[in-house]
Structures are given as C-alpha cells and as structure tokens.
Protein backbone atom coordinates (compact mmCIF):
# COMPACT_ATOMS: atom_id res chain seq x y z
CA UNK A 1 -55.27 -133.18 -31.57
CA UNK A 2 -52.15 -131.78 -29.96
CA UNK A 3 -50.26 -133.82 -27.39
CA UNK A 4 -50.74 -132.89 -23.76
CA UNK A 5 -47.50 -131.19 -22.73
CA UNK A 6 -45.50 -132.32 -19.73
CA UNK A 7 -44.95 -129.99 -16.81
CA UNK A 8 -42.78 -127.00 -17.75
CA UNK A 9 -39.03 -127.45 -17.15
CA UNK A 10 -38.97 -124.85 -14.38
CA UNK A 11 -41.89 -126.39 -12.47
CA UNK A 12 -41.16 -126.87 -8.80
CA UNK A 13 -42.25 -130.03 -7.05
CA UNK A 14 -41.95 -133.79 -7.29
CA UNK A 15 -43.74 -136.54 -9.11
CA UNK A 16 -44.08 -134.18 -12.10
CA UNK A 17 -44.61 -135.45 -15.63
CA UNK A 18 -41.41 -135.38 -17.68
CA UNK A 19 -42.92 -136.63 -20.96
CA UNK A 20 -46.17 -136.10 -22.87
CA UNK A 21 -47.22 -139.50 -21.53
CA UNK A 22 -48.20 -142.87 -22.98
CA UNK A 23 -51.78 -141.65 -23.60
CA UNK A 24 -50.89 -138.30 -25.17
CA UNK A 25 -53.39 -137.47 -27.90
CA UNK A 26 -56.24 -139.34 -26.22
CA UNK A 27 -59.35 -137.22 -25.67
CA UNK A 28 -61.58 -138.16 -22.75
CA UNK A 29 -64.92 -136.56 -21.86
CA UNK A 30 -65.49 -137.13 -18.15
CA UNK A 31 -69.04 -136.76 -16.84
CA UNK A 32 -68.28 -138.54 -13.55
CA UNK A 33 -68.47 -137.31 -9.99
CA UNK A 34 -67.41 -138.49 -6.51
CA UNK A 35 -64.74 -141.23 -6.62
CA UNK A 36 -64.83 -144.33 -8.86
CA UNK A 37 -65.15 -142.46 -12.16
CA UNK A 38 -62.84 -139.54 -11.30
CA UNK A 39 -60.21 -141.99 -10.04
CA UNK A 40 -60.37 -143.79 -13.38
CA UNK A 41 -60.00 -140.61 -15.40
CA UNK A 42 -57.15 -139.35 -13.20
CA UNK A 43 -55.21 -142.51 -14.06
CA UNK A 44 -55.69 -141.65 -17.74
CA UNK A 45 -54.81 -137.97 -17.23
CA UNK A 46 -51.67 -138.84 -15.27
CA UNK A 47 -50.41 -140.50 -18.43
CA UNK A 48 -51.18 -137.74 -20.90
CA UNK A 49 -54.85 -138.07 -21.82
CA UNK A 50 -56.67 -134.77 -22.27
CA UNK A 51 -59.47 -135.21 -19.75
CA UNK A 52 -62.28 -132.65 -19.96
CA UNK A 53 -64.21 -132.83 -16.70
CA UNK A 54 -67.81 -131.82 -17.39
CA UNK A 55 -69.44 -130.92 -14.08
CA UNK A 56 -73.13 -130.37 -13.40
CA UNK A 57 -74.27 -126.88 -12.35
CA UNK A 58 -73.97 -127.89 -8.68
CA UNK A 59 -70.41 -129.13 -9.25
CA UNK A 60 -68.83 -132.38 -8.14
CA UNK A 61 -70.15 -132.76 -4.60
CA UNK A 62 -66.77 -133.94 -3.31
CA UNK A 63 -65.58 -130.34 -3.65
CA UNK A 64 -67.46 -129.91 -0.34
CA UNK A 65 -66.29 -133.12 1.39
CA UNK A 66 -63.95 -131.44 3.86
CA UNK A 67 -62.18 -130.06 5.75
CA UNK A 68 -59.36 -129.88 4.87
CA UNK A 69 -59.65 -127.54 1.88
CA UNK A 70 -57.26 -126.01 -0.66
CA UNK A 71 -58.46 -122.93 -2.55
CA UNK A 72 -62.02 -123.74 -1.50
CA UNK A 73 -61.98 -127.37 -2.67
CA UNK A 74 -61.90 -130.34 -0.30
CA UNK A 75 -59.03 -132.82 -0.11
CA UNK A 76 -61.42 -135.56 -1.29
CA UNK A 77 -61.85 -133.73 -4.61
CA UNK A 78 -58.29 -132.59 -5.15
CA UNK A 79 -56.94 -136.08 -4.45
CA UNK A 80 -58.48 -137.55 -7.63
CA UNK A 81 -58.87 -134.70 -10.12
CA UNK A 82 -55.44 -133.38 -11.07
CA UNK A 83 -54.35 -132.85 -14.68
CA UNK A 84 -57.95 -132.33 -15.83
CA UNK A 85 -59.71 -129.35 -17.37
CA UNK A 86 -63.12 -128.31 -16.06
CA UNK A 87 -66.24 -126.99 -17.73
CA UNK A 88 -69.60 -126.69 -15.96
CA UNK A 89 -72.48 -127.62 -18.24
CA UNK A 90 -76.21 -128.09 -17.70
CA UNK A 91 -76.95 -131.09 -19.91
CA UNK A 92 -80.50 -131.09 -18.64
CA UNK A 93 -81.07 -128.32 -21.18
CA UNK A 94 -81.17 -129.01 -24.92
CA UNK A 95 -78.49 -126.39 -25.51
CA UNK A 96 -76.29 -128.12 -22.93
CA UNK A 97 -76.69 -131.46 -24.66
CA UNK A 98 -75.81 -129.77 -27.96
CA UNK A 99 -72.58 -128.49 -26.40
CA UNK A 100 -71.78 -131.96 -25.07
CA UNK A 101 -72.23 -133.45 -28.53
CA UNK A 102 -69.79 -130.87 -29.89
CA UNK A 103 -67.29 -131.90 -27.18
CA UNK A 104 -67.73 -135.55 -28.13
CA UNK A 105 -66.67 -134.83 -31.70
CA UNK A 106 -63.22 -136.36 -32.01
CA UNK A 107 -63.36 -137.80 -28.47
CA UNK A 108 -61.97 -141.28 -27.89
CA UNK A 109 -63.62 -142.03 -24.56
CA UNK A 110 -66.72 -140.96 -22.65
CA UNK A 111 -66.86 -141.88 -18.95
CA UNK A 112 -70.04 -141.25 -16.94
CA UNK A 113 -71.62 -142.50 -13.74
CA UNK A 114 -75.28 -141.59 -14.09
CA UNK A 115 -77.78 -144.22 -13.03
CA UNK A 116 -78.60 -146.59 -15.90
CA UNK A 117 -81.20 -144.93 -18.10
CA UNK A 118 -80.05 -141.41 -17.30
CA UNK A 119 -78.15 -140.82 -20.51
CA UNK A 120 -80.88 -142.53 -22.53
CA UNK A 121 -83.45 -140.16 -21.03
CA UNK A 122 -81.48 -137.25 -22.50
CA UNK A 123 -81.14 -138.85 -25.92
CA UNK A 124 -77.50 -139.69 -25.22
CA UNK A 125 -77.70 -143.49 -24.94
CA UNK A 126 -74.86 -145.45 -26.47
CA UNK A 127 -76.60 -147.90 -28.81
CA UNK A 128 -79.33 -145.65 -30.15
CA UNK A 129 -77.74 -142.20 -30.04
CA UNK A 130 -73.97 -142.07 -29.60
CA UNK A 131 -72.68 -145.13 -31.47
CA UNK A 132 -74.32 -144.19 -34.81
CA UNK A 133 -72.96 -140.66 -34.54
CA UNK A 134 -69.53 -141.50 -33.08
CA UNK A 135 -68.76 -145.09 -34.18
CA UNK A 136 -65.26 -145.04 -32.69
CA UNK A 137 -66.36 -143.78 -29.26
CA UNK A 138 -65.68 -145.92 -26.19
CA UNK A 139 -68.47 -145.25 -23.69
CA UNK A 140 -67.69 -146.39 -20.12
CA UNK A 141 -70.55 -146.32 -17.65
CA UNK A 142 -69.76 -146.72 -13.94
CA UNK A 143 -72.85 -147.66 -11.91
CA UNK A 144 -73.75 -149.43 -8.71
CA UNK A 145 -75.41 -152.57 -10.10
CA UNK A 146 -75.74 -152.15 -13.86
CA UNK A 147 -79.03 -151.99 -15.76
CA UNK A 148 -80.07 -155.65 -15.59
CA UNK A 149 -80.78 -158.07 -12.76
CA UNK A 150 -82.86 -157.74 -9.58
CA UNK A 151 -80.91 -154.65 -8.47
CA UNK A 152 -80.48 -153.14 -11.92
CA UNK A 153 -80.76 -149.37 -12.02
CA UNK A 154 -80.41 -148.86 -8.27
CA UNK A 155 -77.75 -146.50 -6.86
CA UNK A 156 -74.58 -147.89 -5.32
CA UNK A 157 -72.23 -146.56 -2.67
CA UNK A 158 -68.89 -147.94 -1.57
CA UNK A 159 -69.80 -148.97 1.98
CA UNK A 160 -73.08 -150.55 0.85
CA UNK A 161 -71.26 -152.59 -1.78
CA UNK A 162 -68.62 -153.61 0.76
CA UNK A 163 -71.53 -154.97 2.79
CA UNK A 164 -73.41 -156.62 -0.06
CA UNK A 165 -70.48 -158.29 -1.82
CA UNK A 166 -69.16 -160.01 1.32
CA UNK A 167 -66.07 -157.83 1.71
CA UNK A 168 -67.27 -156.45 5.04
CA UNK A 169 -67.95 -159.97 6.35
CA UNK A 170 -64.30 -160.98 5.99
CA UNK A 171 -62.88 -157.78 7.51
CA UNK A 172 -62.45 -157.32 11.25
CA UNK A 173 -62.28 -160.28 13.62
CA UNK A 174 -64.71 -162.38 15.69
CA UNK A 175 -64.81 -159.69 18.39
CA UNK A 176 -65.73 -156.86 16.02
CA UNK A 177 -67.95 -158.66 13.57
CA UNK A 178 -68.10 -157.45 9.94
CA UNK A 179 -66.26 -154.16 9.52
CA UNK A 180 -65.99 -151.61 6.73
CA UNK A 181 -62.51 -151.32 5.28
CA UNK A 182 -60.90 -148.00 6.11
CA UNK A 183 -60.32 -147.08 2.47
CA UNK A 184 -63.15 -146.96 -0.12
CA UNK A 185 -61.79 -150.08 -1.74
CA UNK A 186 -64.80 -150.80 -3.99
CA UNK A 187 -64.83 -147.30 -5.50
CA UNK A 188 -61.08 -147.37 -6.04
CA UNK A 189 -61.12 -150.86 -7.52
CA UNK A 190 -63.95 -149.88 -9.86
CA UNK A 191 -61.86 -146.94 -11.05
CA UNK A 192 -58.90 -149.23 -11.65
CA UNK A 193 -60.94 -151.90 -13.45
CA UNK A 194 -62.59 -149.20 -15.55
CA UNK A 195 -59.22 -147.80 -16.62
CA UNK A 196 -58.13 -151.32 -17.58
CA UNK A 197 -61.36 -151.84 -19.53
CA UNK A 198 -60.89 -148.58 -21.42
CA UNK A 199 -57.34 -149.52 -22.40
CA UNK A 200 -58.57 -152.94 -23.56
CA UNK A 201 -61.27 -151.32 -25.68
CA UNK A 202 -58.75 -148.90 -27.18
CA UNK A 203 -56.50 -151.81 -28.08
CA UNK A 204 -59.38 -153.68 -29.72
CA UNK A 205 -60.33 -150.53 -31.64
CA UNK A 206 -56.96 -150.68 -33.39
CA UNK A 207 -58.17 -153.92 -35.01
CA UNK A 208 -61.85 -153.19 -35.60
CA UNK A 209 -61.97 -149.41 -35.86
CA UNK A 210 -65.07 -149.52 -33.64
CA UNK A 211 -65.86 -148.31 -30.18
CA UNK A 212 -67.99 -150.17 -27.65
CA UNK A 213 -69.95 -149.83 -24.42
CA UNK A 214 -68.25 -150.76 -21.13
CA UNK A 215 -70.66 -151.78 -18.37
CA UNK A 216 -68.65 -151.31 -15.16
CA UNK A 217 -70.33 -151.78 -11.77
CA UNK A 218 -69.31 -151.41 -8.16
CA UNK A 219 -71.07 -154.72 -7.49
CA UNK A 220 -68.97 -156.72 -9.95
CA UNK A 221 -65.70 -155.04 -9.03
CA UNK A 222 -66.35 -155.56 -5.32
CA UNK A 223 -67.07 -159.24 -5.94
CA UNK A 224 -63.82 -159.52 -7.92
CA UNK A 225 -61.85 -158.56 -4.78
CA UNK A 226 -62.95 -161.60 -2.78
CA UNK A 227 -59.80 -163.65 -3.34
CA UNK A 228 -58.90 -166.00 -1.68
CA UNK A 229 -62.07 -166.23 0.39
CA UNK A 230 -64.35 -166.88 -2.60
CA UNK A 231 -61.90 -169.42 -4.03
CA UNK A 232 -61.77 -171.20 -0.68
CA UNK A 233 -65.58 -171.30 -0.37
CA UNK A 234 -66.12 -172.47 -3.94
CA UNK A 235 -63.77 -175.39 -3.24
CA UNK A 236 -64.63 -176.41 0.32
CA UNK A 237 -68.14 -175.02 0.82
CA UNK A 238 -67.27 -173.42 4.17
CA UNK A 239 -68.40 -169.85 4.85
CA UNK A 240 -65.33 -167.58 5.25
CA UNK A 241 -65.19 -165.82 8.60
CA UNK A 242 -63.44 -162.60 9.66
CA UNK A 243 -59.99 -163.53 10.98
CA UNK A 244 -58.53 -160.11 11.70
CA UNK A 245 -54.90 -159.94 10.68
CA UNK A 246 -54.16 -163.67 10.13
CA UNK A 247 -54.37 -165.14 6.64
CA UNK A 248 -56.88 -167.96 6.06
CA UNK A 249 -54.36 -170.02 4.06
CA UNK A 250 -50.91 -169.11 5.45
CA UNK A 251 -49.05 -169.08 8.76
CA UNK A 252 -47.30 -167.21 10.23
CA UNK A 253 -49.10 -164.29 8.64
CA UNK A 254 -50.04 -161.81 11.34
CA UNK A 255 -49.10 -158.79 13.44
CA UNK A 256 -46.77 -158.96 16.44
CA UNK A 257 -46.01 -156.35 19.11
CA UNK A 258 -42.36 -155.44 19.71
CA UNK A 259 -40.60 -153.09 22.10
CA UNK A 260 -40.83 -150.13 19.68
CA UNK A 261 -43.71 -150.80 17.29
CA UNK A 262 -45.94 -153.47 15.86
CA UNK A 263 -44.63 -155.46 12.90
CA UNK A 264 -46.31 -157.69 10.36
CA UNK A 265 -44.74 -160.99 9.32
CA UNK A 266 -46.03 -162.76 6.20
CA UNK A 267 -44.39 -166.13 5.54
CA UNK A 268 -45.37 -167.71 2.23
CA UNK A 269 -43.32 -170.92 2.15
CA UNK A 270 -41.25 -173.31 4.27
CA UNK A 271 -37.93 -171.75 3.21
CA UNK A 272 -39.02 -168.36 4.50
CA UNK A 273 -40.15 -169.98 7.74
CA UNK A 274 -36.73 -171.58 8.24
CA UNK A 275 -35.01 -168.23 7.69
CA UNK A 276 -37.43 -166.57 10.12
CA UNK A 277 -36.61 -169.12 12.81
CA UNK A 278 -32.85 -168.72 12.23
CA UNK A 279 -32.99 -164.92 12.41
CA UNK A 280 -35.05 -165.03 15.60
CA UNK A 281 -32.58 -167.43 17.23
CA UNK A 282 -34.94 -170.42 17.21
CA UNK A 283 -33.73 -172.71 14.37
CA UNK A 284 -35.23 -175.66 16.25
CA UNK A 285 -38.76 -174.46 15.44
CA UNK A 286 -38.23 -175.18 11.74
CA UNK A 287 -37.86 -178.88 12.46
CA UNK A 288 -40.64 -179.07 15.07
CA UNK A 289 -43.33 -181.43 13.64
CA UNK A 290 -46.00 -178.91 14.67
CA UNK A 291 -44.51 -176.27 12.36
CA UNK A 292 -42.79 -178.29 9.65
CA UNK A 293 -45.08 -177.32 6.75
CA UNK A 294 -47.67 -174.62 6.19
CA UNK A 295 -50.61 -176.94 6.87
CA UNK A 296 -48.96 -177.94 10.18
CA UNK A 297 -48.45 -174.31 11.12
CA UNK A 298 -52.08 -173.49 10.36
CA UNK A 299 -53.22 -176.38 12.57
CA UNK A 300 -50.95 -175.23 15.42
CA UNK A 301 -51.16 -171.48 14.90
CA UNK A 302 -51.87 -170.52 18.59
CA UNK A 303 -48.75 -172.31 19.87
CA UNK A 304 -46.58 -170.79 17.13
CA UNK A 305 -47.92 -167.27 17.76
CA UNK A 306 -47.24 -167.57 21.48
CA UNK A 307 -43.58 -168.48 20.87
CA UNK A 308 -42.96 -165.72 18.34
CA UNK A 309 -44.78 -163.15 20.50
CA UNK A 310 -42.45 -163.87 23.43
CA UNK A 311 -39.36 -163.59 21.22
CA UNK A 312 -40.38 -160.37 19.48
CA UNK A 313 -41.73 -158.54 22.54
CA UNK A 314 -38.29 -157.28 23.59
CA UNK A 315 -36.94 -156.47 20.12
CA UNK A 316 -36.72 -153.20 18.21
CA UNK A 317 -39.49 -153.66 15.66
CA UNK A 318 -38.01 -151.38 13.00
CA UNK A 319 -34.62 -153.07 13.23
CA UNK A 320 -35.85 -156.67 13.19
CA UNK A 321 -38.40 -156.01 10.42
CA UNK A 322 -35.65 -154.48 8.29
CA UNK A 323 -33.33 -157.38 8.98
CA UNK A 324 -35.99 -159.96 8.18
CA UNK A 325 -36.89 -158.24 4.92
CA UNK A 326 -33.25 -157.94 3.85
CA UNK A 327 -32.89 -161.68 4.40
CA UNK A 328 -35.88 -162.65 2.30
CA UNK A 329 -38.53 -162.89 5.00
CA UNK A 330 -41.52 -160.62 4.23
CA UNK A 331 -41.92 -158.30 7.22
CA UNK A 332 -42.49 -154.63 7.89
CA UNK A 333 -43.34 -152.15 10.63
CA UNK A 334 -47.02 -151.22 10.95
CA UNK A 335 -46.85 -147.51 10.11
CA UNK A 336 -49.54 -144.85 10.55
CA UNK A 337 -50.40 -142.88 7.40
CA UNK A 338 -48.26 -139.85 8.27
CA UNK A 339 -45.15 -141.98 8.80
CA UNK A 340 -45.82 -143.98 5.63
CA UNK A 341 -46.12 -140.77 3.60
CA UNK A 342 -42.88 -139.44 5.11
CA UNK A 343 -40.89 -142.65 4.65
CA UNK A 344 -37.65 -142.36 2.62
CA UNK A 345 -38.76 -145.02 0.14
CA UNK A 346 -42.02 -143.14 -0.46
CA UNK A 347 -39.96 -140.10 -1.45
CA UNK A 348 -37.60 -142.18 -3.58
CA UNK A 349 -40.56 -143.61 -5.51
CA UNK A 350 -42.16 -140.13 -5.83
CA UNK A 351 -45.37 -141.43 -4.31
CA UNK A 352 -46.17 -138.00 -2.88
CA UNK A 353 -46.48 -135.48 -5.69
CA UNK A 354 -46.21 -131.73 -5.17
CA UNK A 355 -47.00 -128.90 -7.57
CA UNK A 356 -47.66 -125.24 -6.78
CA UNK A 357 -49.01 -125.84 -3.28
CA UNK A 358 -50.88 -129.01 -4.26
CA UNK A 359 -49.84 -132.27 -2.60
CA UNK A 360 -51.33 -135.71 -3.22
CA UNK A 361 -50.43 -139.32 -3.83
CA UNK A 362 -48.34 -139.79 -6.97
CA UNK A 363 -48.95 -142.24 -9.78
CA UNK A 364 -47.87 -145.82 -9.05
CA UNK A 365 -47.51 -146.57 -12.78
CA UNK A 366 -43.85 -146.12 -13.70
CA UNK A 367 -43.03 -146.26 -17.42
CA UNK A 368 -39.42 -145.98 -18.63
CA UNK A 369 -39.86 -144.02 -21.88
CA UNK A 370 -43.15 -142.24 -21.29
CA UNK A 371 -43.42 -141.53 -17.57
CA UNK A 372 -46.61 -139.95 -16.30
CA UNK A 373 -47.16 -137.65 -13.36
CA UNK A 374 -48.55 -134.30 -12.32
CA UNK A 375 -48.98 -131.60 -14.96
CA UNK A 376 -51.40 -129.32 -13.20
CA UNK A 377 -53.45 -128.81 -10.08
CA UNK A 378 -57.04 -130.03 -9.90
CA UNK A 379 -59.24 -127.53 -11.76
CA UNK A 380 -61.43 -124.94 -10.18
CA UNK A 381 -65.12 -125.21 -11.01
CA UNK A 382 -65.63 -124.30 -14.68
CA UNK A 383 -62.08 -123.00 -14.89
CA UNK A 384 -61.40 -123.93 -18.51
CA UNK A 385 -64.80 -123.32 -20.08
CA UNK A 386 -63.74 -120.62 -22.53
CA UNK A 387 -60.66 -122.43 -23.84
CA UNK A 388 -62.52 -125.74 -24.18
CA UNK A 389 -65.42 -124.14 -26.03
CA UNK A 390 -63.09 -122.16 -28.29
CA UNK A 391 -61.28 -125.38 -29.21
CA UNK A 392 -64.64 -126.81 -30.30
CA UNK A 393 -65.63 -123.96 -32.57
CA UNK A 394 -67.56 -121.66 -30.25
CA UNK A 395 -66.82 -117.94 -30.69
CA UNK A 396 -67.02 -115.21 -28.04
CA UNK A 397 -70.65 -114.42 -28.88
CA UNK A 398 -71.60 -118.09 -28.57
CA UNK A 399 -69.92 -118.37 -25.19
CA UNK A 400 -71.61 -115.20 -23.92
CA UNK A 401 -74.99 -116.53 -25.03
CA UNK A 402 -74.37 -119.87 -23.31
CA UNK A 403 -73.53 -118.07 -20.08
CA UNK A 404 -76.63 -115.87 -20.37
CA UNK A 405 -78.83 -118.94 -20.91
CA UNK A 406 -77.36 -120.70 -17.86
CA UNK A 407 -75.92 -123.51 -19.97
CA UNK A 408 -72.37 -122.92 -18.74
CA UNK A 409 -71.32 -121.27 -15.51
CA UNK A 410 -68.31 -120.46 -13.32
CA UNK A 411 -70.22 -120.23 -10.04
CA UNK A 412 -71.75 -123.34 -8.55
CA UNK A 413 -75.53 -123.48 -8.39
CA UNK A 414 -76.65 -123.72 -4.79
C-alpha cells in the first residue's frame, strides 16, 4: 500500500510530521474505543501507520466526554485519535462483518477491546476464524482481565484496576488513605505496552512470516507498574504503605515549600547529597553521621527534612531548583498543568502539537531520520467511509446500498 504522507509543506502548526514515518506502509484496523486501545493506535499513527478507526453505530463514547469540545467532539476523544481515518460500521450485522473482513485484507494489525468472547460470537475469533484466513495478521486484544482466571471475561476500568492491582494503596499518604492517581495511568500504560507488543510481533513476523494473538490486559499492565513497591515486598515481606511524596527507598526525595513555589528534590546517591548540601550552604550536613549514606538518611528522614525545610523556606524556588539541576542535583519546581504546557522546554521539544485549530500533546518518540508527529486532526464520525470503502473495492452502488441497509453511517445512532 502507499506510504502515509507527512503533513503538507505549507501546514501551519508545530509538532507536525516531516517524514512518512517509521511505520509508513503499516495498515492497522482499529476497533477500539475509550482510551487504552485508541492511545495505542495513536502511537502507531503518529509514526506513519495507516490507522482505520472502525466505530460502532453509537460512535466512540469519549466523543461525548466533555466539555470542552472542538467541532462537537470532546477533548478526551481528540486527545488520542489524531492521524486516523474513521468509518462507522455495524459489525453486529452480517453485511457489516463482511465489510470488516474486506478491510482486514492486507491489514498488518487488528486492535480491539471487546470483552473476551465478543469477537468469537461474531465469527471473528483469532484462532478459528481470522488466523486461517489472514495468517500474517497480528490481533491485539485489550481487555480488563483477559479470558482466563477467576476474573476472566469481566469488564475493566482504569480506576477499578488502580484499586485492584495495589496502585491506589501506594498513592496518597497516611492522612488520605489509598487515592486514585490523577491520570488514568493503567489505561495509558496498557496502550503503551500494547504498542510495544505489536512492534515485537511485527519484528518476529519478519522471521516466521506468521501473525499471532496478543492478550493485553489492564490487570497485567497495572501490576507491571508496581515498582519498586512490589520488589520491596517480594524481598522483605512488608506491606508497602502510602508515603505521599517521599520515596520508600531514597532520601531526600520529597517536596519542599519555598518563598515562591514548591520544589521537588530527588537525591539518588551520596555524591548528589554532598552537592545539595554545598549549594544550600550546609556542607557540614554531608559529613553528619545521621546523613552520611542513603540508609542513614532514610533512618533520620524527619530531622533532615526539618533542616532543609528551614533553609529552603526563604529561597526563590524557581531559581534554586534551576541552580540545583544545573549542578547535577535532580530538582524542579512543582508546576500546575497550564504552566508545564507553556514552559519553554515544552515548546522546544514540540510536546504541544498544533494543526488547523487542533491542539494536543505531541509525540514523545523522537526519531532522527523518520520523525513522527501530527498529520491530521482527529476524524469526525464516519468521515472517511467512502474513501476507505473505495480503496477496498466497493463501488458507488455498493456504498449506497450499505448506507441504505444501516451498515455504514455518518450520523451517530442515539
């Protein structure tokens, strides 16, 4: 198939694609909705994959998860669906499943997040139906718990998996108790792990010529984020507790108030601690037996925090954090989201992308020869149906008949 073109030379904005991308020529059929799956496929589309987003008649529900909205679609949807093409298809109908099978011809990857058994119910299961017909297809299923085990087949949601995997129990502090993380970390991590799994399977296909099934779950990906608390427990047998900002294994590693803002200091070794003490005008602390090594500092954390808090209280947080960082001591101001998005380094790294009125986070994956980025705004519901169907051999009469039968649509079913 043809390579996905980069953004046109006269495109206005930032974070735009300037090459076809490392994944140009890769065809992805995306049946996912909400966050984990769409986040995965956006990573692929940012780097040149042709992602065909197949929405149900009701549309991806995150189109409604606002305000704010842009062109009728909520920020939640537009933040993870750029560079894709959209077709709305009722695969509950035999004719809809026939269209999907036509789309899968020549596809490299299928990503879906139906509950386990859903695709099988429609005669679209991997082992029995898809693999014999499309032996090179990589089928990635994103689900809550997978098909097997005591919770197999049950639905999963980010906050519930944060609770069930232990992530919530280590967030917050003793005064708050377990607390949900402010970003949907399990959904996002599942999208990231799924993209990695797809790239692994593509690499293996170069050797074997065969596709395979990828069983990706929110449960497993949430569990995989438990470092270092799980590693600590598996070694010492002690239940990890929520500590708030401090690190369970390092000190000083916490937030301090200053005259102008809060800053975070994260010292990882004794050399950094000595530099911290020098820069704060207290070189004597580095030789104090209470603070000599990391284990000493952990044992005497309250006394150390009290000293540093007194020193930093009258300082300009932005200035001292910058000075510490420039001298090899990890530190930074605690910025709200708006200030972080507006920071000069954010702009320099093109981490806010803009294109034709659309603004979102840019891709963090920076490749020297084949850079990715924004090629187009997130699609409107069913926006590309005619061009996608035409590419797969449907003529005008076929498309009209599919519309008449309610197999494809451009208006969301209420």
